[in-house]
Amino acid sequence: MFLQNAWGRIFGFIWVLASFNAVIAKEQIILSGSDSAMDHYIFSNILKSAYASLGVESKFTPLPSSRSLVSANSGLTHGEIARIQGMNKKYPNLVQVPIAIMTSGIYALSLHKRAIIGWEGVSTQKVAYRRGIQIIKNELDKHHIQSDVVNKDRELMLFLLRKRTDLILQDKGLAISSMTQLKAEGIDISDIHFLMPPLIEVNLYHYLNNQHQHLLADITKVLSDMKRSGELDKKIKDYFEQLMKNLNASN
């Protein structure tokens, strides 16, 4: 009986130790992204949930947009939250997860309601955008449009409000987040208008550093299942509804 109890305690200790080691050995990845509200509050949470279902802990490190890509490509971080398609051409150590997390609309914003017909219309105006949004830079370069560049989303809105430019170009979600922030500070944003339709719509994709390519198939399946079930689109819809609610709320 004594030996049975002793062996029972030994096996119990081994089981506890094995369980403890399993917890310690739980895989963790650090994902970088731009220091924007959208990366903070929607993309990082979507991926946190997706990776958690695989038993992988994910952490988000916000960085300036260009530095984030360099960091993910070099392996200092293990992946990039969400970027346009084809970033792996410029950053070859990044592997694109083939499920679009969301479709992003790029808009021109102005202090006056006006008709802007595509990039040809933009080219006749003084234009500014926020550094690091590659899709906007690509389109401006493609259409040979000169522009001013600022470093932060909030600065971009103030650039327009101070009439230092005719138009700013920005993702809708980022623009609404910045407008909400300025409104909370008591700054009048009522003259800012989104000019319809969007200039361009692009899909945004998650990227992994190739050292973590073993996660590619599993995270692809999880995101595909979230897309198919409607969970992914609901998270995006809820985020934008909350943004608009915050923007329309009285001070």
C-alpha atoms as a PDB file:
ATOM      1  CA  MET A   1       0.000   0.000   0.000  1.00  0.00           C
ATOM      2  CA  PHE A   2       2.834   2.368   0.889  1.00  0.00           C
ATOM      3  CA  LEU A   3       4.545   1.667  -2.448  1.00  0.00           C
ATOM      4  CA  GLN A   4       1.267   2.195  -4.324  1.00  0.00           C
ATOM      5  CA  ASN A   5       0.779   5.556  -2.618  1.00  0.00           C
ATOM      6  CA  ALA A   6       4.392   6.513  -3.272  1.00  0.00           C
ATOM      7  CA  TRP A   7       4.150   5.610  -6.951  1.00  0.00           C
ATOM      8  CA  GLY A   8       0.849   7.470  -7.159  1.00  0.00           C
ATOM      9  CA  ARG A   9       2.455  10.605  -5.774  1.00  0.00           C
ATOM     10  CA  ILE A  10       5.400  10.252  -8.160  1.00  0.00           C
ATOM     11  CA  PHE A  11       3.160   9.859 -11.213  1.00  0.00           C
ATOM     12  CA  GLY A  12       1.017  12.749 -10.004  1.00  0.00           C
ATOM     13  CA  PHE A  13       4.090  14.947  -9.690  1.00  0.00           C
ATOM     14  CA  ILE A  14       5.264  13.932 -13.183  1.00  0.00           C
ATOM     15  CA  TRP A  15       1.827  14.778 -14.641  1.00  0.00           C
ATOM     16  CA  VAL A  16       1.816  18.198 -12.948  1.00  0.00           C
ATOM     17  CA  LEU A  17       5.380  18.871 -14.130  1.00  0.00           C
ATOM     18  CA  ALA A  18       4.499  17.858 -17.689  1.00  0.00           C
ATOM     19  CA  SER A  19       1.434  20.107 -17.630  1.00  0.00           C
ATOM     20  CA  PHE A  20       3.498  22.991 -16.289  1.00  0.00           C
ATOM     21  CA  ASN A  21       6.115  22.514 -19.000  1.00  0.00           C
ATOM     22  CA  ALA A  22       3.365  22.451 -21.631  1.00  0.00           C
ATOM     23  CA  VAL A  23       2.103  25.806 -20.418  1.00  0.00           C
ATOM     24  CA  ILE A  24       5.641  27.206 -20.390  1.00  0.00           C
ATOM     25  CA  ALA A  25       6.228  25.862 -23.896  1.00  0.00           C
ATOM     26  CA  LYS A  26       3.045  27.416 -25.318  1.00  0.00           C
ATOM     27  CA  GLU A  27       3.949  29.100 -28.589  1.00  0.00           C
ATOM     28  CA  GLN A  28       3.871  32.877 -28.674  1.00  0.00           C
ATOM     29  CA  ILE A  29       4.127  35.203 -31.644  1.00  0.00           C
ATOM     30  CA  ILE A  30       4.630  38.958 -31.681  1.00  0.00           C
ATOM     31  CA  LEU A  31       2.856  40.779 -34.491  1.00  0.00           C
ATOM     32  CA  SER A  32       3.697  44.319 -35.486  1.00  0.00           C
ATOM     33  CA  GLY A  33       1.486  46.827 -37.230  1.00  0.00           C
ATOM     34  CA  SER A  34       1.108  50.536 -37.723  1.00  0.00           C
ATOM     35  CA  ASP A  35       0.396  52.619 -34.651  1.00  0.00           C
ATOM     36  CA  SER A  36      -3.132  53.351 -35.888  1.00  0.00           C
ATOM     37  CA  ALA A  37      -6.478  52.886 -34.164  1.00  0.00           C
ATOM     38  CA  MET A  38      -7.597  50.264 -36.673  1.00  0.00           C
ATOM     39  CA  ASP A  39      -4.563  48.031 -36.125  1.00  0.00           C
ATOM     40  CA  HIS A  40      -4.933  48.491 -32.361  1.00  0.00           C
ATOM     41  CA  TYR A  41      -8.636  47.802 -31.972  1.00  0.00           C
ATOM     42  CA  ILE A  42      -9.776  45.572 -34.806  1.00  0.00           C
ATOM     43  CA  PHE A  43      -7.007  43.671 -36.614  1.00  0.00           C
ATOM     44  CA  SER A  44      -5.034  42.797 -33.470  1.00  0.00           C
ATOM     45  CA  ASN A  45      -8.181  41.535 -31.729  1.00  0.00           C
ATOM     46  CA  ILE A  46      -9.277  39.462 -34.726  1.00  0.00           C
ATOM     47  CA  LEU A  47      -5.876  37.793 -34.918  1.00  0.00           C
ATOM     48  CA  LYS A  48      -5.639  37.374 -31.152  1.00  0.00           C
ATOM     49  CA  SER A  49      -8.877  35.387 -31.253  1.00  0.00           C
ATOM     50  CA  ALA A  50      -7.784  33.405 -34.331  1.00  0.00           C
ATOM     51  CA  TYR A  51      -4.411  32.415 -32.909  1.00  0.00           C
ATOM     52  CA  ALA A  52      -5.891  31.616 -29.484  1.00  0.00           C
ATOM     53  CA  SER A  53      -8.045  28.948 -31.154  1.00  0.00           C
ATOM     54  CA  LEU A  54      -4.758  27.313 -32.251  1.00  0.00           C
ATOM     55  CA  GLY A  55      -3.299  27.485 -28.749  1.00  0.00           C
ATOM     56  CA  VAL A  56      -0.932  30.256 -29.819  1.00  0.00           C
ATOM     57  CA  GLU A  57      -0.624  33.451 -27.811  1.00  0.00           C
ATOM     58  CA  SER A  58      -0.284  36.570 -29.950  1.00  0.00           C
ATOM     59  CA  LYS A  59       0.900  39.987 -28.843  1.00  0.00           C
ATOM     60  CA  PHE A  60       0.665  43.238 -30.787  1.00  0.00           C
ATOM     61  CA  THR A  61       3.526  45.723 -31.042  1.00  0.00           C
ATOM     62  CA  PRO A  62       2.557  49.066 -32.626  1.00  0.00           C
ATOM     63  CA  LEU A  63       5.306  50.711 -34.680  1.00  0.00           C
ATOM     64  CA  PRO A  64       5.544  53.449 -37.315  1.00  0.00           C
ATOM     65  CA  SER A  65       4.197  51.945 -40.510  1.00  0.00           C
ATOM     66  CA  SER A  66       7.425  51.465 -42.491  1.00  0.00           C
ATOM     67  CA  ARG A  67       9.419  50.331 -39.462  1.00  0.00           C
ATOM     68  CA  SER A  68       6.747  47.732 -38.720  1.00  0.00           C
ATOM     69  CA  LEU A  69       7.258  46.089 -42.111  1.00  0.00           C
ATOM     70  CA  VAL A  70      11.049  46.150 -41.769  1.00  0.00           C
ATOM     71  CA  SER A  71      10.750  44.610 -38.303  1.00  0.00           C
ATOM     72  CA  ALA A  72       8.448  41.815 -39.488  1.00  0.00           C
ATOM     73  CA  ASN A  73      10.610  41.099 -42.520  1.00  0.00           C
ATOM     74  CA  SER A  74      13.810  40.916 -40.444  1.00  0.00           C
ATOM     75  CA  GLY A  75      12.240  38.580 -37.878  1.00  0.00           C
ATOM     76  CA  LEU A  76      12.398  41.043 -34.982  1.00  0.00           C
ATOM     77  CA  THR A  77       8.640  40.585 -34.912  1.00  0.00           C
ATOM     78  CA  HIS A  78       6.978  37.446 -36.247  1.00  0.00           C
ATOM     79  CA  GLY A  79       4.454  38.906 -38.636  1.00  0.00           C
ATOM     80  CA  GLU A  80       2.537  41.934 -39.855  1.00  0.00           C
ATOM     81  CA  ILE A  81      -1.054  42.582 -38.736  1.00  0.00           C
ATOM     82  CA  ALA A  82      -2.694  43.625 -42.034  1.00  0.00           C
ATOM     83  CA  ARG A  83      -1.348  45.010 -45.301  1.00  0.00           C
ATOM     84  CA  ILE A  84      -2.260  45.180 -48.972  1.00  0.00           C
ATOM     85  CA  GLN A  85      -1.624  42.237 -51.256  1.00  0.00           C
ATOM     86  CA  GLY A  86       1.871  41.641 -52.577  1.00  0.00           C
ATOM     87  CA  MET A  87       3.985  43.199 -49.828  1.00  0.00           C
ATOM     88  CA  ASN A  88       6.122  40.031 -49.931  1.00  0.00           C
ATOM     89  CA  LYS A  89       7.542  41.236 -53.268  1.00  0.00           C
ATOM     90  CA  LYS A  90       9.317  44.073 -51.476  1.00  0.00           C
ATOM     91  CA  TYR A  91       9.741  42.181 -48.191  1.00  0.00           C
ATOM     92  CA  PRO A  92      10.672  38.631 -49.292  1.00  0.00           C
ATOM     93  CA  ASN A  93      10.733  37.099 -45.808  1.00  0.00           C
ATOM     94  CA  LEU A  94       7.022  37.754 -45.375  1.00  0.00           C
ATOM     95  CA  VAL A  95       4.445  35.113 -46.316  1.00  0.00           C
ATOM     96  CA  GLN A  96       0.944  36.332 -47.158  1.00  0.00           C
ATOM     97  CA  VAL A  97      -1.983  34.562 -45.485  1.00  0.00           C
ATOM     98  CA  PRO A  98      -4.412  34.196 -48.429  1.00  0.00           C
ATOM     99  CA  ILE A  99      -7.636  35.211 -46.614  1.00  0.00           C
ATOM    100  CA  ALA A 100      -8.520  38.910 -46.789  1.00  0.00           C
ATOM    101  CA  ILE A 101      -9.254  40.230 -43.307  1.00  0.00           C
ATOM    102  CA  MET A 102     -11.240  43.161 -44.693  1.00  0.00           C
ATOM    103  CA  THR A 103     -11.745  45.427 -47.686  1.00  0.00           C
ATOM    104  CA  SER A 104     -10.542  48.969 -47.093  1.00  0.00           C
ATOM    105  CA  GLY A 105     -11.797  52.046 -48.931  1.00  0.00           C
ATOM    106  CA  ILE A 106      -9.472  54.971 -49.631  1.00  0.00           C
ATOM    107  CA  TYR A 107     -11.323  58.299 -49.752  1.00  0.00           C
ATOM    108  CA  ALA A 108     -10.591  61.911 -50.527  1.00  0.00           C
ATOM    109  CA  LEU A 109     -11.723  64.242 -47.736  1.00  0.00           C
ATOM    110  CA  SER A 110     -12.325  67.957 -48.160  1.00  0.00           C
ATOM    111  CA  LEU A 111     -13.679  70.996 -46.317  1.00  0.00           C
ATOM    112  CA  HIS A 112     -16.118  71.477 -49.191  1.00  0.00           C
ATOM    113  CA  LYS A 113     -18.625  69.125 -50.778  1.00  0.00           C
ATOM    114  CA  ARG A 114     -17.407  68.681 -54.297  1.00  0.00           C
ATOM    115  CA  ALA A 115     -17.298  66.155 -57.105  1.00  0.00           C
ATOM    116  CA  ILE A 116     -13.962  64.417 -57.494  1.00  0.00           C
ATOM    117  CA  ILE A 117     -13.809  62.097 -60.484  1.00  0.00           C
ATOM    118  CA  GLY A 118     -11.119  59.559 -59.747  1.00  0.00           C
ATOM    119  CA  TRP A 119      -7.403  60.198 -59.602  1.00  0.00           C
ATOM    120  CA  GLU A 120      -7.629  62.632 -62.523  1.00  0.00           C
ATOM    121  CA  GLY A 121      -9.775  64.862 -60.318  1.00  0.00           C
ATOM    122  CA  VAL A 122      -7.357  64.471 -57.410  1.00  0.00           C
ATOM    123  CA  SER A 123      -4.472  65.564 -59.639  1.00  0.00           C
ATOM    124  CA  THR A 124      -5.973  69.065 -60.009  1.00  0.00           C
ATOM    125  CA  GLN A 125      -5.952  69.646 -56.229  1.00  0.00           C
ATOM    126  CA  LYS A 126      -3.352  70.165 -53.524  1.00  0.00           C
ATOM    127  CA  VAL A 127      -3.148  66.798 -51.756  1.00  0.00           C
ATOM    128  CA  ALA A 128      -1.757  65.308 -48.536  1.00  0.00           C
ATOM    129  CA  TYR A 129      -1.679  61.838 -46.990  1.00  0.00           C
ATOM    130  CA  ARG A 130      -0.189  60.044 -43.985  1.00  0.00           C
ATOM    131  CA  ARG A 131       3.251  58.515 -44.360  1.00  0.00           C
ATOM    132  CA  GLY A 132       3.331  54.722 -44.537  1.00  0.00           C
ATOM    133  CA  ILE A 133       0.044  54.014 -46.339  1.00  0.00           C
ATOM    134  CA  GLN A 134       1.609  52.225 -49.284  1.00  0.00           C
ATOM    135  CA  ILE A 135      -1.487  51.915 -51.445  1.00  0.00           C
ATOM    136  CA  ILE A 136      -1.956  55.707 -51.467  1.00  0.00           C
ATOM    137  CA  LYS A 137       1.716  56.316 -52.271  1.00  0.00           C
ATOM    138  CA  ASN A 138       1.558  53.754 -55.085  1.00  0.00           C
ATOM    139  CA  GLU A 139      -1.478  55.430 -56.662  1.00  0.00           C
ATOM    140  CA  LEU A 140      -0.012  58.927 -56.342  1.00  0.00           C
ATOM    141  CA  ASP A 141       3.212  57.753 -57.972  1.00  0.00           C
ATOM    142  CA  LYS A 142       1.307  55.922 -60.709  1.00  0.00           C
ATOM    143  CA  HIS A 143      -0.695  59.049 -61.577  1.00  0.00           C
ATOM    144  CA  HIS A 144       2.304  61.405 -61.116  1.00  0.00           C
ATOM    145  CA  ILE A 145       0.546  63.417 -58.411  1.00  0.00           C
ATOM    146  CA  GLN A 146       2.649  65.579 -56.094  1.00  0.00           C
ATOM    147  CA  SER A 147       1.629  65.536 -52.429  1.00  0.00           C
ATOM    148  CA  ASP A 148       2.475  66.615 -48.915  1.00  0.00           C
ATOM    149  CA  VAL A 149       3.127  63.887 -46.342  1.00  0.00           C
ATOM    150  CA  VAL A 150       2.527  63.979 -42.573  1.00  0.00           C
ATOM    151  CA  ASN A 151       3.497  61.438 -39.927  1.00  0.00           C
ATOM    152  CA  LYS A 152       0.304  60.884 -37.930  1.00  0.00           C
ATOM    153  CA  ASP A 153      -3.403  60.407 -38.702  1.00  0.00           C
ATOM    154  CA  ARG A 154      -4.381  63.205 -36.307  1.00  0.00           C
ATOM    155  CA  GLU A 155      -1.878  65.575 -37.945  1.00  0.00           C
ATOM    156  CA  LEU A 156      -3.407  64.796 -41.326  1.00  0.00           C
ATOM    157  CA  MET A 157      -6.855  65.950 -40.189  1.00  0.00           C
ATOM    158  CA  LEU A 158      -5.405  69.118 -38.678  1.00  0.00           C
ATOM    159  CA  PHE A 159      -3.511  69.737 -41.926  1.00  0.00           C
ATOM    160  CA  LEU A 160      -6.869  69.845 -43.710  1.00  0.00           C
ATOM    161  CA  LEU A 161      -8.664  71.874 -41.017  1.00  0.00           C
ATOM    162  CA  ARG A 162      -5.893  74.489 -41.119  1.00  0.00           C
ATOM    163  CA  LYS A 163      -6.418  74.747 -44.896  1.00  0.00           C
ATOM    164  CA  ARG A 164      -2.891  73.745 -45.748  1.00  0.00           C
ATOM    165  CA  THR A 165      -4.230  71.389 -48.418  1.00  0.00           C
ATOM    166  CA  ASP A 166      -7.354  71.007 -50.566  1.00  0.00           C
ATOM    167  CA  LEU A 167      -7.749  67.269 -50.052  1.00  0.00           C
ATOM    168  CA  ILE A 168      -6.437  64.578 -47.759  1.00  0.00           C
ATOM    169  CA  LEU A 169      -6.412  60.913 -48.752  1.00  0.00           C
ATOM    170  CA  GLN A 170      -7.155  58.374 -46.062  1.00  0.00           C
ATOM    171  CA  ASP A 171      -8.660  55.011 -45.228  1.00  0.00           C
ATOM    172  CA  LYS A 172     -12.238  55.469 -44.019  1.00  0.00           C
ATOM    173  CA  GLY A 173     -11.765  53.753 -40.649  1.00  0.00           C
ATOM    174  CA  LEU A 174      -8.586  55.675 -39.863  1.00  0.00           C
ATOM    175  CA  ALA A 175     -10.217  58.949 -40.896  1.00  0.00           C
ATOM    176  CA  ILE A 176     -13.264  58.385 -38.666  1.00  0.00           C
ATOM    177  CA  SER A 177     -11.023  57.439 -35.735  1.00  0.00           C
ATOM    178  CA  SER A 178      -9.035  60.662 -36.137  1.00  0.00           C
ATOM    179  CA  MET A 179     -12.184  62.757 -36.474  1.00  0.00           C
ATOM    180  CA  THR A 180     -13.591  61.181 -33.302  1.00  0.00           C
ATOM    181  CA  GLN A 181     -10.387  61.983 -31.436  1.00  0.00           C
ATOM    182  CA  LEU A 182     -10.430  65.627 -32.561  1.00  0.00           C
ATOM    183  CA  LYS A 183     -14.096  65.988 -31.696  1.00  0.00           C
ATOM    184  CA  ALA A 184     -13.442  64.659 -28.188  1.00  0.00           C
ATOM    185  CA  GLU A 185     -10.790  67.380 -27.863  1.00  0.00           C
ATOM    186  CA  GLY A 186     -13.397  70.017 -28.660  1.00  0.00           C
ATOM    187  CA  ILE A 187     -12.197  70.655 -32.230  1.00  0.00           C
ATOM    188  CA  ASP A 188     -14.950  71.365 -34.762  1.00  0.00           C
ATOM    189  CA  ILE A 189     -14.902  68.732 -37.525  1.00  0.00           C
ATOM    190  CA  SER A 190     -18.307  69.508 -39.032  1.00  0.00           C
ATOM    191  CA  ASP A 191     -16.788  70.920 -42.239  1.00  0.00           C
ATOM    192  CA  ILE A 192     -14.929  67.714 -43.119  1.00  0.00           C
ATOM    193  CA  HIS A 193     -16.618  65.727 -45.884  1.00  0.00           C
ATOM    194  CA  PHE A 194     -15.948  62.298 -47.375  1.00  0.00           C
ATOM    195  CA  LEU A 195     -16.065  62.650 -51.164  1.00  0.00           C
ATOM    196  CA  MET A 196     -17.899  59.793 -52.819  1.00  0.00           C
ATOM    197  CA  PRO A 197     -17.247  57.280 -54.230  1.00  0.00           C
ATOM    198  CA  PRO A 198     -14.001  55.907 -52.748  1.00  0.00           C
ATOM    199  CA  LEU A 199     -10.976  56.365 -54.970  1.00  0.00           C
ATOM    200  CA  ILE A 200      -9.970  52.737 -54.545  1.00  0.00           C
ATOM    201  CA  GLU A 201     -10.894  49.675 -52.509  1.00  0.00           C
ATOM    202  CA  VAL A 202      -8.264  47.140 -51.494  1.00  0.00           C
ATOM    203  CA  ASN A 203      -8.154  43.900 -49.562  1.00  0.00           C
ATOM    204  CA  LEU A 204      -5.933  43.709 -46.487  1.00  0.00           C
ATOM    205  CA  TYR A 205      -4.051  40.517 -45.591  1.00  0.00           C
ATOM    206  CA  HIS A 206      -2.128  39.178 -42.608  1.00  0.00           C
ATOM    207  CA  TYR A 207       1.550  38.273 -43.125  1.00  0.00           C
ATOM    208  CA  LEU A 208       3.865  35.874 -41.273  1.00  0.00           C
ATOM    209  CA  ASN A 209       7.637  35.948 -41.195  1.00  0.00           C
ATOM    210  CA  ASN A 210       8.817  32.807 -43.027  1.00  0.00           C
ATOM    211  CA  GLN A 211      10.364  31.472 -39.794  1.00  0.00           C
ATOM    212  CA  HIS A 212       6.757  30.948 -38.641  1.00  0.00           C
ATOM    213  CA  GLN A 213       5.454  29.510 -41.904  1.00  0.00           C
ATOM    214  CA  HIS A 214       4.474  26.338 -40.027  1.00  0.00           C
ATOM    215  CA  LEU A 215       1.439  28.327 -38.786  1.00  0.00           C
ATOM    216  CA  LEU A 216       0.306  29.299 -42.298  1.00  0.00           C
ATOM    217  CA  ALA A 217      -2.060  26.403 -43.035  1.00  0.00           C
ATOM    218  CA  ASP A 218      -3.718  26.515 -39.610  1.00  0.00           C
ATOM    219  CA  ILE A 219      -4.227  30.301 -39.448  1.00  0.00           C
ATOM    220  CA  THR A 220      -5.504  30.246 -43.039  1.00  0.00           C
ATOM    221  CA  LYS A 221      -8.136  27.668 -42.069  1.00  0.00           C
ATOM    222  CA  VAL A 222      -9.182  29.596 -38.951  1.00  0.00           C
ATOM    223  CA  LEU A 223      -9.602  32.870 -40.842  1.00  0.00           C
ATOM    224  CA  SER A 224     -11.396  31.051 -43.669  1.00  0.00           C
ATOM    225  CA  ASP A 225     -13.827  29.516 -41.147  1.00  0.00           C
ATOM    226  CA  MET A 226     -14.372  32.948 -39.525  1.00  0.00           C
ATOM    227  CA  LYS A 227     -15.055  34.411 -42.970  1.00  0.00           C
ATOM    228  CA  ARG A 228     -17.443  31.620 -43.953  1.00  0.00           C
ATOM    229  CA  SER A 229     -19.411  31.794 -40.697  1.00  0.00           C
ATOM    230  CA  GLY A 230     -19.780  35.569 -40.923  1.00  0.00           C
ATOM    231  CA  GLU A 231     -17.818  36.113 -37.690  1.00  0.00           C
ATOM    232  CA  LEU A 232     -15.059  38.062 -39.414  1.00  0.00           C
ATOM    233  CA  ASP A 233     -17.416  40.417 -41.248  1.00  0.00           C
ATOM    234  CA  LYS A 234     -19.468  40.927 -38.077  1.00  0.00           C
ATOM    235  CA  LYS A 235     -16.391  42.017 -36.124  1.00  0.00           C
ATOM    236  CA  ILE A 236     -15.580  44.560 -38.861  1.00  0.00           C
ATOM    237  CA  LYS A 237     -19.195  45.769 -39.046  1.00  0.00           C
ATOM    238  CA  ASP A 238     -19.431  46.159 -35.258  1.00  0.00           C
ATOM    239  CA  TYR A 239     -16.174  48.120 -35.246  1.00  0.00           C
ATOM    240  CA  PHE A 240     -17.381  50.606 -37.866  1.00  0.00           C
ATOM    241  CA  GLU A 241     -20.777  50.971 -36.203  1.00  0.00           C
ATOM    242  CA  GLN A 242     -19.029  51.814 -32.934  1.00  0.00           C
ATOM    243  CA  LEU A 243     -16.788  54.307 -34.744  1.00  0.00           C
ATOM    244  CA  MET A 244     -19.807  56.070 -36.220  1.00  0.00           C
ATOM    245  CA  LYS A 245     -21.595  56.025 -32.878  1.00  0.00           C
ATOM    246  CA  ASN A 246     -18.588  57.639 -31.215  1.00  0.00           C
ATOM    247  CA  LEU A 247     -18.312  60.213 -34.000  1.00  0.00           C
ATOM    248  CA  ASN A 248     -21.987  61.162 -33.837  1.00  0.00           C
ATOM    249  CA  ALA A 249     -22.136  61.280 -30.039  1.00  0.00           C
ATOM    250  CA  SER A 250     -22.436  64.724 -28.548  1.00  0.00           C
ATOM    251  CA  ASN A 251     -19.434  66.102 -26.673  1.00  0.00           C
END
